[in-house]
């Protein structure tokens, strides 16, 4: 089976090994690009720092050192990224979703720093503010759409049997390149997989596509799901 991976080029290089190990032919199709942003941190003492992605960890901790802040992460991959920088994670919810992070703070108070993508969702930020915490969100990187020649896209999409989306940003990248009706037609008979409920809901809303999603939002589980489909 041939599958197109649509994350950033850096992520695709890591993910393709897992797919190829199981015999899938990978077509790299990065639909997003990332760029670091300059940022300043308020000169305050923070009780907590929340990381919702490996990218937020990378772009924040490569420029700034933490002190006594308790670190909260959204999942295992983000936890490992923090540990690779030499820090210990204080808390991680069992389910890898923003609303589960908010639940961790239901009986807590304090000042929270949230390094994030410039186009990230505000569910966690608004949820924490609703609990009465003092929240400071800073944009540490930006995700933007990668544009292609249409003939090239048509060629790749005609060759693959499946596509994998890891974020709404990648879906937006496809929409930035092609008309929605053309996307729907091109993907009509292909398997579309995604890594989480947010991306699944976005595909349904924007393209009326019902994507397949593993129970646990990891690349390994996406590969396992694809194996079952084959």
Protein backbone atom coordinates (compact mmCIF):
# COMPACT_ATOMS: atom_id res chain seq x y z
CA UNK A 1 0.00 0.00 0.00
CA UNK A 2 1.18 3.52 -0.82
CA UNK A 3 0.61 6.31 1.68
CA UNK A 4 1.25 10.06 1.56
CA UNK A 5 2.52 11.66 4.77
CA UNK A 6 1.60 15.33 5.11
CA UNK A 7 3.43 16.61 8.19
CA UNK A 8 6.51 18.83 8.06
CA UNK A 9 9.56 17.48 6.24
CA UNK A 10 11.36 16.92 9.55
CA UNK A 11 8.49 14.88 10.98
CA UNK A 12 8.04 12.86 7.80
CA UNK A 13 11.68 11.78 7.91
CA UNK A 14 11.07 10.32 11.38
CA UNK A 15 7.63 8.84 10.66
CA UNK A 16 8.43 7.18 7.34
CA UNK A 17 10.73 4.68 9.05
CA UNK A 18 7.77 3.30 11.03
CA UNK A 19 5.60 2.94 7.93
CA UNK A 20 8.33 1.47 5.75
CA UNK A 21 9.23 -1.05 8.46
CA UNK A 22 5.75 -2.53 7.99
CA UNK A 23 6.06 -2.68 4.22
CA UNK A 24 4.22 0.52 3.24
CA UNK A 25 5.55 2.69 0.42
CA UNK A 26 5.81 6.28 1.65
CA UNK A 27 5.26 9.36 -0.50
CA UNK A 28 6.53 12.44 1.38
CA UNK A 29 4.04 15.28 0.86
CA UNK A 30 4.78 17.96 3.47
CA UNK A 31 1.86 20.37 3.45
CA UNK A 32 3.17 22.56 6.25
CA UNK A 33 6.41 24.33 7.13
CA UNK A 34 7.55 25.60 10.51
CA UNK A 35 9.54 28.65 11.46
CA UNK A 36 10.85 29.81 14.81
CA UNK A 37 9.58 33.10 16.20
CA UNK A 38 11.34 35.64 18.37
CA UNK A 39 9.65 35.84 21.74
CA UNK A 40 9.99 37.50 25.12
CA UNK A 41 8.98 35.96 28.43
CA UNK A 42 7.30 38.15 31.06
CA UNK A 43 9.65 38.87 33.95
CA UNK A 44 7.46 36.98 36.39
CA UNK A 45 7.77 33.84 38.45
CA UNK A 46 5.68 31.00 37.03
CA UNK A 47 4.32 28.02 38.93
CA UNK A 48 3.64 25.88 35.86
CA UNK A 49 4.69 25.54 32.23
CA UNK A 50 2.46 23.63 29.81
CA UNK A 51 3.74 22.04 26.60
CA UNK A 52 1.15 20.73 24.14
CA UNK A 53 3.59 19.55 21.47
CA UNK A 54 7.17 18.46 20.86
CA UNK A 55 7.58 21.54 18.66
CA UNK A 56 6.68 23.90 21.50
CA UNK A 57 9.30 22.16 23.63
CA UNK A 58 11.93 22.41 20.91
CA UNK A 59 11.44 26.07 20.06
CA UNK A 60 11.03 27.21 23.68
CA UNK A 61 13.68 25.22 25.53
CA UNK A 62 16.31 25.77 22.85
CA UNK A 63 16.19 29.48 23.79
CA UNK A 64 15.08 29.57 27.42
CA UNK A 65 15.97 27.67 30.59
CA UNK A 66 13.37 26.78 33.19
CA UNK A 67 13.88 27.17 36.93
CA UNK A 68 11.47 25.72 39.50
CA UNK A 69 8.36 25.62 37.32
CA UNK A 70 6.32 22.41 37.34
CA UNK A 71 6.14 21.04 33.78
CA UNK A 72 2.89 19.65 32.37
CA UNK A 73 2.77 17.89 28.99
CA UNK A 74 0.04 16.46 26.79
CA UNK A 75 1.57 13.10 25.82
CA UNK A 76 4.47 10.65 25.84
CA UNK A 77 6.31 12.14 22.85
CA UNK A 78 6.16 15.62 24.37
CA UNK A 79 7.28 14.18 27.71
CA UNK A 80 10.32 12.61 26.05
CA UNK A 81 11.14 15.89 24.29
CA UNK A 82 11.17 17.66 27.69
CA UNK A 83 13.33 14.94 29.23
CA UNK A 84 15.77 15.17 26.32
CA UNK A 85 16.42 18.76 27.43
CA UNK A 86 17.20 17.50 30.93
CA UNK A 87 13.95 18.39 32.70
CA UNK A 88 11.48 16.24 34.64
CA UNK A 89 7.78 16.27 33.83
CA UNK A 90 5.50 16.96 36.78
CA UNK A 91 2.20 15.80 35.28
CA UNK A 92 0.69 14.28 32.14
CA UNK A 93 -2.99 13.40 31.60
CA UNK A 94 -3.92 9.83 30.66
CA UNK A 95 -5.73 11.01 27.53
CA UNK A 96 -3.77 13.17 25.08
CA UNK A 97 -6.24 16.04 24.76
CA UNK A 98 -6.23 19.67 25.86
CA UNK A 99 -9.36 19.36 27.99
CA UNK A 100 -7.63 16.67 30.04
CA UNK A 101 -4.83 19.11 30.86
CA UNK A 102 -7.43 21.58 32.14
CA UNK A 103 -8.81 18.89 34.45
CA UNK A 104 -5.39 18.53 36.07
CA UNK A 105 -5.67 22.14 37.27
CA UNK A 106 -9.19 21.99 38.69
CA UNK A 107 -8.00 22.27 42.30
CA UNK A 108 -4.85 24.28 41.67
CA UNK A 109 -3.96 27.95 41.62
CA UNK A 110 -1.00 29.90 40.34
CA UNK A 111 0.65 31.46 37.33
CA UNK A 112 0.92 29.40 34.14
CA UNK A 113 3.14 29.87 31.08
CA UNK A 114 2.02 28.27 27.80
CA UNK A 115 4.58 28.29 24.95
CA UNK A 116 2.67 27.47 21.77
CA UNK A 117 2.24 27.69 18.02
CA UNK A 118 1.01 31.02 16.66
CA UNK A 119 -1.94 29.16 15.13
CA UNK A 120 -2.56 26.83 18.06
CA UNK A 121 -5.96 26.29 19.61
CA UNK A 122 -6.89 28.24 22.76
CA UNK A 123 -8.91 25.50 24.47
CA UNK A 124 -6.37 24.99 27.26
CA UNK A 125 -5.72 28.70 27.76
CA UNK A 126 -9.40 29.57 28.03
CA UNK A 127 -10.07 26.54 30.23
CA UNK A 128 -7.36 27.51 32.69
CA UNK A 129 -8.52 31.11 32.81
CA UNK A 130 -12.00 29.82 33.54
CA UNK A 131 -10.59 28.04 36.58
CA UNK A 132 -9.13 31.30 37.84
CA UNK A 133 -5.48 30.70 36.99
CA UNK A 134 -3.25 33.49 35.71
CA UNK A 135 -2.26 32.38 32.20
CA UNK A 136 0.43 33.80 29.89
CA UNK A 137 0.57 32.37 26.36
CA UNK A 138 3.53 33.10 24.11
CA UNK A 139 3.95 32.18 20.44
CA UNK A 140 7.29 30.42 19.95
CA UNK A 141 6.84 29.12 16.40
CA UNK A 142 4.57 29.43 13.39
CA UNK A 143 3.14 26.81 11.04
CA UNK A 144 2.40 27.88 7.48
CA UNK A 145 1.09 26.13 4.37
CA UNK A 146 3.53 24.74 1.81
CA UNK A 147 2.45 25.42 -1.76
CA UNK A 148 2.95 23.15 -4.76
CA UNK A 149 2.44 23.05 -8.48
CA UNK A 150 -1.04 21.58 -8.95
CA UNK A 151 0.11 19.00 -11.49
CA UNK A 152 2.60 17.66 -8.97
CA UNK A 153 -0.11 17.33 -6.32
CA UNK A 154 -2.48 15.60 -8.71
CA UNK A 155 0.30 13.19 -9.63
CA UNK A 156 1.11 12.26 -6.02
CA UNK A 157 -2.52 11.94 -4.98
CA UNK A 158 -3.31 9.75 -7.97
CA UNK A 159 -0.54 7.30 -7.00
CA UNK A 160 -1.29 6.77 -3.31
CA UNK A 161 -3.89 4.57 -1.65
CA UNK A 162 -3.98 6.49 1.63
CA UNK A 163 -3.19 9.85 3.21
CA UNK A 164 -2.26 10.63 6.79
CA UNK A 165 -2.96 13.96 8.52
CA UNK A 166 -1.56 14.76 11.96
CA UNK A 167 -3.10 18.21 12.39
CA UNK A 168 -5.73 20.60 11.02
CA UNK A 169 -2.80 22.69 9.75
CA UNK A 170 -1.87 19.98 7.25
CA UNK A 171 -5.48 19.81 6.07
CA UNK A 172 -5.42 23.59 5.64
CA UNK A 173 -2.24 23.14 3.61
CA UNK A 174 -4.06 20.87 1.18
CA UNK A 175 -6.97 23.30 0.94
CA UNK A 176 -4.51 26.13 0.22
CA UNK A 177 -3.33 24.20 -2.82
CA UNK A 178 -6.54 22.77 -4.28
CA UNK A 179 -10.24 23.55 -4.48
CA UNK A 180 -12.29 21.66 -1.91
CA UNK A 181 -14.38 19.90 -4.55
CA UNK A 182 -11.20 18.69 -6.26
CA UNK A 183 -9.84 17.36 -2.97
CA UNK A 184 -13.07 15.51 -2.24
CA UNK A 185 -13.01 13.94 -5.71
CA UNK A 186 -9.34 12.96 -5.48
CA UNK A 187 -9.71 11.40 -2.04
CA UNK A 188 -13.09 9.78 -2.62
CA UNK A 189 -11.78 6.21 -2.91
CA UNK A 190 -8.71 6.56 -0.71
CA UNK A 191 -8.20 5.76 2.95
CA UNK A 192 -7.75 8.94 5.02
CA UNK A 193 -6.20 8.55 8.45
CA UNK A 194 -5.66 11.10 11.20
CA UNK A 195 -4.07 11.11 14.63
CA UNK A 196 -6.68 12.78 16.83
CA UNK A 197 -10.25 13.97 17.27
CA UNK A 198 -9.43 17.60 16.45
CA UNK A 199 -8.09 16.68 13.01
CA UNK A 200 -10.90 14.19 12.44
CA UNK A 201 -13.53 16.84 13.21
CA UNK A 202 -11.76 19.37 10.97
CA UNK A 203 -11.70 16.95 8.02
CA UNK A 204 -15.40 16.29 8.49
CA UNK A 205 -16.28 19.97 8.76
CA UNK A 206 -14.15 21.32 5.90
CA UNK A 207 -14.09 18.44 3.41
CA UNK A 208 -16.94 16.15 4.54
CA UNK A 209 -14.41 13.34 4.87
CA UNK A 210 -14.78 10.70 7.57
CA UNK A 211 -11.20 9.92 8.52
CA UNK A 212 -10.08 6.80 10.33
CA UNK A 213 -8.49 7.36 13.72
CA UNK A 214 -6.73 5.04 16.20
CA UNK A 215 -7.85 5.01 19.82
CA UNK A 216 -4.49 6.31 21.02
CA UNK A 217 -3.12 9.35 19.16
CA UNK A 218 0.38 8.14 18.27
CA UNK A 219 2.13 7.46 14.95
CA UNK A 220 2.70 3.86 16.02
CA UNK A 221 -1.03 3.34 16.47
CA UNK A 222 -1.73 4.94 13.06
CA UNK A 223 0.64 2.38 11.52
CA UNK A 224 -1.14 -0.44 13.38
CA UNK A 225 -4.52 0.81 12.17
CA UNK A 226 -3.27 0.88 8.58
CA UNK A 227 -1.99 -2.68 8.95
CA UNK A 228 -5.45 -3.80 10.04
CA UNK A 229 -7.04 -2.09 7.04
CA UNK A 230 -4.70 -3.92 4.67
